[in-house]
Amino acid sequence: MSGLHASRRWRDRALVAPAVSVLALLFGGAVAGMLKTSLVPLGADGLSGATLDTWRELLGDPAFVDALVFSLRVTVLATAASAALAVPVAVALRRRGLAIRSLAALPLPVPHLLVAVAAVLWLGAGGLADRLLGGLPVNLVRDDAGVGIVLVYVFRETPFLVLLMLAAMGRGLQERTEAAAVLGASPGQRALWVLWPTIRGPLVVGSIIVGAFVLGAFEVPLAVGPSYPPTLATFAFDATQGSVLAGEGLAAATLLLTSTIAVALAVAAVRFARDAEGA
């Protein structure tokens, strides 16, 4: 059995090798380019002109620190809220038909930028909701706390997590739940012992993917977020609008740090998925 398992593992690796190779080439080339730009100023004489001045300037910039803290806060809030909302929605939809599930998945193909623009048109100052209601009690667009950014991501990413969990809630879950009920398990015990082990893997892995995406996303913070503090992506964009020589290096260093965090989250997702499957 061990030999069969090893052969299947090598076969699976061979099947994904072409896609992984292309991804590694494209992503690795981009990372190498960002690293070089952050170390070698434009116009310098090759790698001999490499310096850490850009990194010193970036790490000593209070605006970068604010952007990092703001990005991490928005990422954590958006991911946690999406996961918390996705669980009861998935539980409510698991006994529903295909039509209801399809309606719940409608936000998935909608681009993030389109959702952000709709939020500005409806919820922004002077927007449609403001005119219809004569004013909104809270400001959700351009607010300093980034609530509008979080709400856009919650609306867009919750269906993604719901679909991941629904895919794991097959007929086997219903059978195990009924068996636990026959054995005298309470609804709370069935949720803890049967439901949670089933959805834990897809929920956690999906949440890590959502967090990695939100951390590096650009369009939603630019459309809905405040002018200050920026996110890491908008900070990198703003850096290029000033001095070309210094801005390119700052933007590259910022995006490199963001990519490093995203890759770390991706590795954590893969590791957790393997542990959840018992591999």
C-alpha atoms as a PDB file:
ATOM      1  CA  MET A   1       0.000   0.000   0.000  1.00  0.00           C
ATOM      2  CA  SER A   2       2.870   2.372   0.749  1.00  0.00           C
ATOM      3  CA  GLY A   3       4.280   1.861  -2.753  1.00  0.00           C
ATOM      4  CA  LEU A   4       0.879   2.538  -4.311  1.00  0.00           C
ATOM      5  CA  HIS A   5       0.487   5.675  -2.224  1.00  0.00           C
ATOM      6  CA  ALA A   6       3.948   6.889  -3.266  1.00  0.00           C
ATOM      7  CA  SER A   7       3.241   6.262  -6.951  1.00  0.00           C
ATOM      8  CA  ARG A   8      -0.013   8.188  -6.737  1.00  0.00           C
ATOM      9  CA  ARG A   9       1.778  11.066  -5.038  1.00  0.00           C
ATOM     10  CA  TRP A  10       4.414  11.215  -7.779  1.00  0.00           C
ATOM     11  CA  ARG A  11       1.698  10.999 -10.439  1.00  0.00           C
ATOM     12  CA  ASP A  12      -0.182  13.901  -8.866  1.00  0.00           C
ATOM     13  CA  ARG A  13       3.016  15.944  -8.717  1.00  0.00           C
ATOM     14  CA  ALA A  14       3.736  15.202 -12.372  1.00  0.00           C
ATOM     15  CA  LEU A  15       0.262  16.349 -13.380  1.00  0.00           C
ATOM     16  CA  VAL A  16       0.597  19.727 -11.640  1.00  0.00           C
ATOM     17  CA  ALA A  17       4.266  20.236 -12.525  1.00  0.00           C
ATOM     18  CA  PRO A  18       3.643  22.167 -15.798  1.00  0.00           C
ATOM     19  CA  ALA A  19       1.249  24.632 -14.155  1.00  0.00           C
ATOM     20  CA  VAL A  20       3.508  25.040 -11.137  1.00  0.00           C
ATOM     21  CA  SER A  21       6.533  25.617 -13.380  1.00  0.00           C
ATOM     22  CA  VAL A  22       4.796  28.367 -15.344  1.00  0.00           C
ATOM     23  CA  LEU A  23       3.518  29.988 -12.156  1.00  0.00           C
ATOM     24  CA  ALA A  24       6.938  29.815 -10.532  1.00  0.00           C
ATOM     25  CA  LEU A  25       8.555  31.342 -13.601  1.00  0.00           C
ATOM     26  CA  LEU A  26       6.098  34.231 -13.836  1.00  0.00           C
ATOM     27  CA  PHE A  27       5.839  34.910 -10.116  1.00  0.00           C
ATOM     28  CA  GLY A  28       9.527  34.294  -9.499  1.00  0.00           C
ATOM     29  CA  GLY A  29      10.476  36.680 -12.273  1.00  0.00           C
ATOM     30  CA  ALA A  30       8.206  39.373 -10.838  1.00  0.00           C
ATOM     31  CA  VAL A  31       9.658  38.898  -7.348  1.00  0.00           C
ATOM     32  CA  ALA A  32      13.198  39.041  -8.702  1.00  0.00           C
ATOM     33  CA  GLY A  33      12.355  42.242 -10.553  1.00  0.00           C
ATOM     34  CA  MET A  34      10.855  43.834  -7.427  1.00  0.00           C
ATOM     35  CA  LEU A  35      13.883  42.813  -5.376  1.00  0.00           C
ATOM     36  CA  LYS A  36      16.298  44.316  -7.885  1.00  0.00           C
ATOM     37  CA  THR A  37      14.281  47.547  -8.167  1.00  0.00           C
ATOM     38  CA  SER A  38      14.194  47.898  -4.383  1.00  0.00           C
ATOM     39  CA  LEU A  39      17.963  47.440  -4.112  1.00  0.00           C
ATOM     40  CA  VAL A  40      19.302  49.036  -7.285  1.00  0.00           C
ATOM     41  CA  PRO A  41      18.149  52.624  -7.951  1.00  0.00           C
ATOM     42  CA  LEU A  42      17.148  53.519 -11.481  1.00  0.00           C
ATOM     43  CA  GLY A  43      20.183  54.632 -13.438  1.00  0.00           C
ATOM     44  CA  ALA A  44      22.647  52.782 -11.186  1.00  0.00           C
ATOM     45  CA  ASP A  45      25.478  50.789 -12.717  1.00  0.00           C
ATOM     46  CA  GLY A  46      24.191  47.198 -12.392  1.00  0.00           C
ATOM     47  CA  LEU A  47      24.183  45.219  -9.162  1.00  0.00           C
ATOM     48  CA  SER A  48      27.344  47.007  -8.050  1.00  0.00           C
ATOM     49  CA  GLY A  49      25.118  49.981  -7.244  1.00  0.00           C
ATOM     50  CA  ALA A  50      22.878  47.977  -4.895  1.00  0.00           C
ATOM     51  CA  THR A  51      22.017  49.720  -1.656  1.00  0.00           C
ATOM     52  CA  LEU A  52      19.608  49.390   1.257  1.00  0.00           C
ATOM     53  CA  ASP A  53      18.716  53.070   1.248  1.00  0.00           C
ATOM     54  CA  THR A  54      15.237  52.386  -0.150  1.00  0.00           C
ATOM     55  CA  TRP A  55      14.475  49.864   2.564  1.00  0.00           C
ATOM     56  CA  ARG A  56      15.740  52.211   5.277  1.00  0.00           C
ATOM     57  CA  GLU A  57      13.561  54.998   3.909  1.00  0.00           C
ATOM     58  CA  LEU A  58      10.534  52.713   3.662  1.00  0.00           C
ATOM     59  CA  LEU A  59      10.789  51.194   7.137  1.00  0.00           C
ATOM     60  CA  GLY A  60      11.402  54.629   8.644  1.00  0.00           C
ATOM     61  CA  ASP A  61       8.405  56.211   6.925  1.00  0.00           C
ATOM     62  CA  PRO A  62       5.470  56.689   9.358  1.00  0.00           C
ATOM     63  CA  ALA A  63       3.064  56.546   6.403  1.00  0.00           C
ATOM     64  CA  PHE A  64       4.267  53.031   5.567  1.00  0.00           C
ATOM     65  CA  VAL A  65       3.765  51.914   9.172  1.00  0.00           C
ATOM     66  CA  ASP A  66       0.240  53.352   9.117  1.00  0.00           C
ATOM     67  CA  ALA A  67      -0.436  51.605   5.794  1.00  0.00           C
ATOM     68  CA  LEU A  68       0.806  48.279   7.169  1.00  0.00           C
ATOM     69  CA  VAL A  69      -1.327  48.528  10.314  1.00  0.00           C
ATOM     70  CA  PHE A  70      -4.383  49.656   8.345  1.00  0.00           C
ATOM     71  CA  SER A  71      -3.975  46.866   5.784  1.00  0.00           C
ATOM     72  CA  LEU A  72      -3.614  44.193   8.451  1.00  0.00           C
ATOM     73  CA  ARG A  73      -6.645  45.516  10.336  1.00  0.00           C
ATOM     74  CA  VAL A  74      -8.840  45.590   7.238  1.00  0.00           C
ATOM     75  CA  THR A  75      -7.640  42.123   6.229  1.00  0.00           C
ATOM     76  CA  VAL A  76      -8.388  40.601   9.628  1.00  0.00           C
ATOM     77  CA  LEU A  77     -11.810  42.273   9.923  1.00  0.00           C
ATOM     78  CA  ALA A  78     -12.905  41.408   6.383  1.00  0.00           C
ATOM     79  CA  THR A  79     -11.735  37.806   6.659  1.00  0.00           C
ATOM     80  CA  ALA A  80     -13.206  37.227  10.118  1.00  0.00           C
ATOM     81  CA  ALA A  81     -16.546  38.801   9.202  1.00  0.00           C
ATOM     82  CA  SER A  82     -16.780  36.808   5.963  1.00  0.00           C
ATOM     83  CA  ALA A  83     -16.023  33.546   7.772  1.00  0.00           C
ATOM     84  CA  ALA A  84     -18.435  34.281  10.611  1.00  0.00           C
ATOM     85  CA  LEU A  85     -21.244  35.064   8.167  1.00  0.00           C
ATOM     86  CA  ALA A  86     -20.447  32.176   5.816  1.00  0.00           C
ATOM     87  CA  VAL A  87     -20.971  29.460   8.439  1.00  0.00           C
ATOM     88  CA  PRO A  88     -24.665  30.121   9.220  1.00  0.00           C
ATOM     89  CA  VAL A  89     -25.386  30.840   5.547  1.00  0.00           C
ATOM     90  CA  ALA A  90     -23.845  27.516   4.490  1.00  0.00           C
ATOM     91  CA  VAL A  91     -25.750  25.657   7.187  1.00  0.00           C
ATOM     92  CA  ALA A  92     -28.997  27.282   6.062  1.00  0.00           C
ATOM     93  CA  LEU A  93     -28.358  26.499   2.395  1.00  0.00           C
ATOM     94  CA  ARG A  94     -27.192  22.890   2.688  1.00  0.00           C
ATOM     95  CA  ARG A  95     -30.762  21.576   2.540  1.00  0.00           C
ATOM     96  CA  ARG A  96     -31.848  24.014  -0.155  1.00  0.00           C
ATOM     97  CA  GLY A  97     -32.164  23.297  -3.840  1.00  0.00           C
ATOM     98  CA  LEU A  98     -29.850  24.261  -6.659  1.00  0.00           C
ATOM     99  CA  ALA A  99     -31.819  27.409  -7.514  1.00  0.00           C
ATOM    100  CA  ILE A 100     -31.410  28.910  -4.034  1.00  0.00           C
ATOM    101  CA  ARG A 101     -27.720  28.006  -3.942  1.00  0.00           C
ATOM    102  CA  SER A 102     -27.210  29.612  -7.330  1.00  0.00           C
ATOM    103  CA  LEU A 103     -28.820  32.828  -6.117  1.00  0.00           C
ATOM    104  CA  ALA A 104     -26.522  32.877  -3.100  1.00  0.00           C
ATOM    105  CA  ALA A 105     -23.516  32.506  -5.423  1.00  0.00           C
ATOM    106  CA  LEU A 106     -24.479  35.427  -7.685  1.00  0.00           C
ATOM    107  CA  PRO A 107     -21.912  37.864  -6.197  1.00  0.00           C
ATOM    108  CA  LEU A 108     -19.036  35.530  -7.117  1.00  0.00           C
ATOM    109  CA  PRO A 109     -18.657  36.447 -10.823  1.00  0.00           C
ATOM    110  CA  VAL A 110     -19.096  40.162 -10.104  1.00  0.00           C
ATOM    111  CA  PRO A 111     -15.736  42.007 -10.219  1.00  0.00           C
ATOM    112  CA  HIS A 112     -14.600  43.612  -6.988  1.00  0.00           C
ATOM    113  CA  LEU A 113     -14.255  46.972  -8.702  1.00  0.00           C
ATOM    114  CA  LEU A 114     -17.871  46.868  -9.867  1.00  0.00           C
ATOM    115  CA  VAL A 115     -19.059  46.204  -6.315  1.00  0.00           C
ATOM    116  CA  ALA A 116     -16.886  49.073  -5.044  1.00  0.00           C
ATOM    117  CA  VAL A 117     -18.251  51.468  -7.670  1.00  0.00           C
ATOM    118  CA  ALA A 118     -21.820  50.444  -6.812  1.00  0.00           C
ATOM    119  CA  ALA A 119     -21.059  51.100  -3.137  1.00  0.00           C
ATOM    120  CA  VAL A 120     -19.817  54.593  -3.984  1.00  0.00           C
ATOM    121  CA  LEU A 121     -22.880  55.345  -6.123  1.00  0.00           C
ATOM    122  CA  TRP A 122     -25.310  54.108  -3.480  1.00  0.00           C
ATOM    123  CA  LEU A 123     -23.626  54.811  -0.141  1.00  0.00           C
ATOM    124  CA  GLY A 124     -21.277  57.697  -0.881  1.00  0.00           C
ATOM    125  CA  ALA A 125     -21.955  61.305   0.074  1.00  0.00           C
ATOM    126  CA  GLY A 126     -24.666  62.535  -2.273  1.00  0.00           C
ATOM    127  CA  GLY A 127     -25.277  58.998  -3.508  1.00  0.00           C
ATOM    128  CA  LEU A 128     -28.607  57.361  -4.289  1.00  0.00           C
ATOM    129  CA  ALA A 129     -29.248  56.126  -0.730  1.00  0.00           C
ATOM    130  CA  ASP A 130     -28.283  59.528   0.666  1.00  0.00           C
ATOM    131  CA  ARG A 131     -30.809  61.226  -1.600  1.00  0.00           C
ATOM    132  CA  LEU A 132     -33.604  58.715  -1.030  1.00  0.00           C
ATOM    133  CA  LEU A 133     -33.261  58.622   2.743  1.00  0.00           C
ATOM    134  CA  GLY A 134     -32.293  62.230   3.226  1.00  0.00           C
ATOM    135  CA  GLY A 135     -28.941  61.336   4.720  1.00  0.00           C
ATOM    136  CA  LEU A 136     -27.226  58.234   6.091  1.00  0.00           C
ATOM    137  CA  PRO A 137     -26.530  57.808   9.823  1.00  0.00           C
ATOM    138  CA  VAL A 138     -23.001  56.553   9.141  1.00  0.00           C
ATOM    139  CA  ASN A 139     -20.422  57.251   6.481  1.00  0.00           C
ATOM    140  CA  LEU A 140     -19.403  53.990   4.806  1.00  0.00           C
ATOM    141  CA  VAL A 141     -17.395  55.453   1.931  1.00  0.00           C
ATOM    142  CA  ARG A 142     -14.060  57.184   2.579  1.00  0.00           C
ATOM    143  CA  ASP A 143     -14.389  56.563   6.312  1.00  0.00           C
ATOM    144  CA  ASP A 144     -11.139  56.539   8.244  1.00  0.00           C
ATOM    145  CA  ALA A 145     -11.840  53.120   9.783  1.00  0.00           C
ATOM    146  CA  GLY A 146     -12.170  51.416   6.402  1.00  0.00           C
ATOM    147  CA  VAL A 147     -15.658  50.059   7.103  1.00  0.00           C
ATOM    148  CA  GLY A 148     -16.655  50.461   3.460  1.00  0.00           C
ATOM    149  CA  ILE A 149     -13.692  48.358   2.328  1.00  0.00           C
ATOM    150  CA  VAL A 150     -14.590  45.635   4.810  1.00  0.00           C
ATOM    151  CA  LEU A 151     -18.252  45.569   3.731  1.00  0.00           C
ATOM    152  CA  VAL A 152     -17.353  45.270   0.047  1.00  0.00           C
ATOM    153  CA  TYR A 153     -15.090  42.308   0.756  1.00  0.00           C
ATOM    154  CA  VAL A 154     -17.647  40.671   3.051  1.00  0.00           C
ATOM    155  CA  PHE A 155     -20.282  40.924   0.323  1.00  0.00           C
ATOM    156  CA  ARG A 156     -17.902  39.530  -2.263  1.00  0.00           C
ATOM    157  CA  GLU A 157     -16.005  36.857  -0.313  1.00  0.00           C
ATOM    158  CA  THR A 158     -18.745  35.347   1.858  1.00  0.00           C
ATOM    159  CA  PRO A 159     -20.299  33.430  -1.092  1.00  0.00           C
ATOM    160  CA  PHE A 160     -16.859  32.038  -1.919  1.00  0.00           C
ATOM    161  CA  LEU A 161     -16.485  30.568   1.574  1.00  0.00           C
ATOM    162  CA  VAL A 162     -20.088  29.337   1.514  1.00  0.00           C
ATOM    163  CA  LEU A 163     -19.487  27.378  -1.692  1.00  0.00           C
ATOM    164  CA  LEU A 164     -16.336  25.805  -0.255  1.00  0.00           C
ATOM    165  CA  MET A 165     -18.236  24.575   2.774  1.00  0.00           C
ATOM    166  CA  LEU A 166     -21.241  23.414   0.775  1.00  0.00           C
ATOM    167  CA  ALA A 167     -18.934  21.289  -1.338  1.00  0.00           C
ATOM    168  CA  ALA A 168     -17.843  19.501   1.847  1.00  0.00           C
ATOM    169  CA  MET A 169     -21.407  19.092   3.139  1.00  0.00           C
ATOM    170  CA  GLY A 170     -22.325  16.048   1.111  1.00  0.00           C
ATOM    171  CA  ARG A 171     -24.760  13.255   1.887  1.00  0.00           C
ATOM    172  CA  GLY A 172     -22.256  11.800   4.323  1.00  0.00           C
ATOM    173  CA  LEU A 173     -22.669  14.780   6.656  1.00  0.00           C
ATOM    174  CA  GLN A 174     -26.431  14.261   6.821  1.00  0.00           C
ATOM    175  CA  GLU A 175     -25.963  10.570   7.569  1.00  0.00           C
ATOM    176  CA  ARG A 176     -23.442  11.247  10.325  1.00  0.00           C
ATOM    177  CA  THR A 177     -25.673  13.939  11.802  1.00  0.00           C
ATOM    178  CA  GLU A 178     -28.656  11.569  11.900  1.00  0.00           C
ATOM    179  CA  ALA A 179     -26.532   8.843  13.444  1.00  0.00           C
ATOM    180  CA  ALA A 180     -25.340  11.237  16.161  1.00  0.00           C
ATOM    181  CA  ALA A 181     -28.946  12.263  16.845  1.00  0.00           C
ATOM    182  CA  VAL A 182     -29.983   8.615  17.202  1.00  0.00           C
ATOM    183  CA  LEU A 183     -27.182   8.126  19.716  1.00  0.00           C
ATOM    184  CA  GLY A 184     -28.579  10.994  21.784  1.00  0.00           C
ATOM    185  CA  ALA A 185     -26.303  13.883  20.783  1.00  0.00           C
ATOM    186  CA  SER A 186     -27.800  17.326  21.311  1.00  0.00           C
ATOM    187  CA  PRO A 187     -27.897  19.913  18.498  1.00  0.00           C
ATOM    188  CA  GLY A 188     -24.876  21.629  20.009  1.00  0.00           C
ATOM    189  CA  GLN A 189     -22.949  18.379  20.233  1.00  0.00           C
ATOM    190  CA  ARG A 190     -23.843  17.488  16.646  1.00  0.00           C
ATOM    191  CA  ALA A 191     -22.583  20.883  15.505  1.00  0.00           C
ATOM    192  CA  LEU A 192     -19.345  20.470  17.454  1.00  0.00           C
ATOM    193  CA  TRP A 193     -18.609  16.805  16.743  1.00  0.00           C
ATOM    194  CA  VAL A 194     -20.052  16.354  13.247  1.00  0.00           C
ATOM    195  CA  LEU A 195     -20.529  19.697  11.474  1.00  0.00           C
ATOM    196  CA  TRP A 196     -17.389  21.524  12.591  1.00  0.00           C
ATOM    197  CA  PRO A 197     -14.878  18.785  11.618  1.00  0.00           C
ATOM    198  CA  THR A 198     -16.509  18.733   8.182  1.00  0.00           C
ATOM    199  CA  ILE A 199     -16.342  22.452   7.462  1.00  0.00           C
ATOM    200  CA  ARG A 200     -13.193  23.299   9.430  1.00  0.00           C
ATOM    201  CA  GLY A 201     -10.769  22.524   6.601  1.00  0.00           C
ATOM    202  CA  PRO A 202     -12.474  24.419   3.754  1.00  0.00           C
ATOM    203  CA  LEU A 203     -13.390  27.305   6.052  1.00  0.00           C
ATOM    204  CA  VAL A 204      -9.865  27.861   7.376  1.00  0.00           C
ATOM    205  CA  VAL A 205      -8.143  27.317   4.036  1.00  0.00           C
ATOM    206  CA  GLY A 206     -10.663  29.561   2.266  1.00  0.00           C
ATOM    207  CA  SER A 207     -10.249  32.249   4.926  1.00  0.00           C
ATOM    208  CA  ILE A 208      -6.473  32.218   4.472  1.00  0.00           C
ATOM    209  CA  ILE A 209      -6.946  32.611   0.720  1.00  0.00           C
ATOM    210  CA  VAL A 210      -9.354  35.493   1.293  1.00  0.00           C
ATOM    211  CA  GLY A 211      -6.915  37.155   3.683  1.00  0.00           C
ATOM    212  CA  ALA A 212      -4.041  36.877   1.211  1.00  0.00           C
ATOM    213  CA  PHE A 213      -6.196  38.406  -1.530  1.00  0.00           C
ATOM    214  CA  VAL A 214      -7.539  41.261   0.600  1.00  0.00           C
ATOM    215  CA  LEU A 215      -4.054  42.156   1.816  1.00  0.00           C
ATOM    216  CA  GLY A 216      -2.739  42.797  -1.686  1.00  0.00           C
ATOM    217  CA  ALA A 217      -5.895  44.079  -3.388  1.00  0.00           C
ATOM    218  CA  PHE A 218      -5.804  47.522  -4.916  1.00  0.00           C
ATOM    219  CA  GLU A 219      -9.062  48.520  -6.593  1.00  0.00           C
ATOM    220  CA  VAL A 220     -11.478  48.406  -3.635  1.00  0.00           C
ATOM    221  CA  PRO A 221      -9.330  50.516  -1.245  1.00  0.00           C
ATOM    222  CA  LEU A 222      -8.701  53.011  -4.052  1.00  0.00           C
ATOM    223  CA  ALA A 223     -12.417  53.384  -4.814  1.00  0.00           C
ATOM    224  CA  VAL A 224     -13.949  53.097  -1.342  1.00  0.00           C
ATOM    225  CA  GLY A 225     -11.176  53.620   1.179  1.00  0.00           C
ATOM    226  CA  PRO A 226      -9.970  56.803   2.835  1.00  0.00           C
ATOM    227  CA  SER A 227      -7.230  58.943   1.381  1.00  0.00           C
ATOM    228  CA  TYR A 228      -5.309  58.304   4.597  1.00  0.00           C
ATOM    229  CA  PRO A 229      -4.249  55.897   5.910  1.00  0.00           C
ATOM    230  CA  PRO A 230      -3.657  54.015   2.675  1.00  0.00           C
ATOM    231  CA  THR A 231      -3.399  50.273   2.268  1.00  0.00           C
ATOM    232  CA  LEU A 232      -0.093  48.754   1.230  1.00  0.00           C
ATOM    233  CA  ALA A 233      -1.208  48.553  -2.396  1.00  0.00           C
ATOM    234  CA  THR A 234      -2.374  52.173  -2.540  1.00  0.00           C
ATOM    235  CA  PHE A 235       0.771  53.264  -0.693  1.00  0.00           C
ATOM    236  CA  ALA A 236       2.851  51.635  -3.430  1.00  0.00           C
ATOM    237  CA  PHE A 237       0.735  53.351  -6.087  1.00  0.00           C
ATOM    238  CA  ASP A 238       1.065  56.755  -4.421  1.00  0.00           C
ATOM    239  CA  ALA A 239       4.839  56.303  -4.145  1.00  0.00           C
ATOM    240  CA  THR A 240       5.138  56.153  -7.934  1.00  0.00           C
ATOM    241  CA  GLN A 241       3.259  59.437  -8.344  1.00  0.00           C
ATOM    242  CA  GLY A 242       6.070  61.459  -6.785  1.00  0.00           C
ATOM    243  CA  SER A 243       9.737  61.097  -7.555  1.00  0.00           C
ATOM    244  CA  VAL A 244      10.232  58.474 -10.270  1.00  0.00           C
ATOM    245  CA  LEU A 245      13.679  57.420  -9.048  1.00  0.00           C
ATOM    246  CA  ALA A 246      12.756  57.040  -5.385  1.00  0.00           C
ATOM    247  CA  GLY A 247       9.116  56.072  -5.952  1.00  0.00           C
ATOM    248  CA  GLU A 248       9.838  52.990  -8.039  1.00  0.00           C
ATOM    249  CA  GLY A 249      12.096  51.576  -5.338  1.00  0.00           C
ATOM    250  CA  LEU A 250       9.622  52.311  -2.541  1.00  0.00           C
ATOM    251  CA  ALA A 251       6.761  50.763  -4.506  1.00  0.00           C
ATOM    252  CA  ALA A 252       8.819  47.662  -5.291  1.00  0.00           C
ATOM    253  CA  ALA A 253       9.868  47.199  -1.663  1.00  0.00           C
ATOM    254  CA  THR A 254       6.278  47.634  -0.460  1.00  0.00           C
ATOM    255  CA  LEU A 255       4.895  45.122  -2.953  1.00  0.00           C
ATOM    256  CA  LEU A 256       7.704  42.697  -2.120  1.00  0.00           C
ATOM    257  CA  LEU A 257       6.777  42.772   1.561  1.00  0.00           C
ATOM    258  CA  THR A 258       3.104  42.335   0.680  1.00  0.00           C
ATOM    259  CA  SER A 259       3.930  39.390  -1.580  1.00  0.00           C
ATOM    260  CA  THR A 260       6.008  37.796   1.172  1.00  0.00           C
ATOM    261  CA  ILE A 261       3.088  37.935   3.598  1.00  0.00           C
ATOM    262  CA  ALA A 262       0.714  36.578   0.944  1.00  0.00           C
ATOM    263  CA  VAL A 263       3.067  33.686   0.148  1.00  0.00           C
ATOM    264  CA  ALA A 264       3.363  32.898   3.859  1.00  0.00           C
ATOM    265  CA  LEU A 265      -0.426  32.746   4.074  1.00  0.00           C
ATOM    266  CA  ALA A 266      -0.565  30.498   1.004  1.00  0.00           C
ATOM    267  CA  VAL A 267       1.981  28.124   2.542  1.00  0.00           C
ATOM    268  CA  ALA A 268      -0.086  28.061   5.736  1.00  0.00           C
ATOM    269  CA  ALA A 269      -3.197  27.236   3.695  1.00  0.00           C
ATOM    270  CA  VAL A 270      -1.464  24.331   1.937  1.00  0.00           C
ATOM    271  CA  ARG A 271      -0.040  23.052   5.215  1.00  0.00           C
ATOM    272  CA  PHE A 272      -3.409  23.199   6.946  1.00  0.00           C
ATOM    273  CA  ALA A 273      -5.146  21.514   4.023  1.00  0.00           C
ATOM    274  CA  ARG A 274      -2.670  18.633   4.148  1.00  0.00           C
ATOM    275  CA  ASP A 275      -3.089  18.296   7.932  1.00  0.00           C
ATOM    276  CA  ALA A 276      -6.882  18.366   7.599  1.00  0.00           C
ATOM    277  CA  GLU A 277      -6.707  15.519   5.111  1.00  0.00           C
ATOM    278  CA  GLY A 278      -4.382  13.552   7.324  1.00  0.00           C
ATOM    279  CA  ALA A 279      -1.493  13.713   4.824  1.00  0.00           C
END
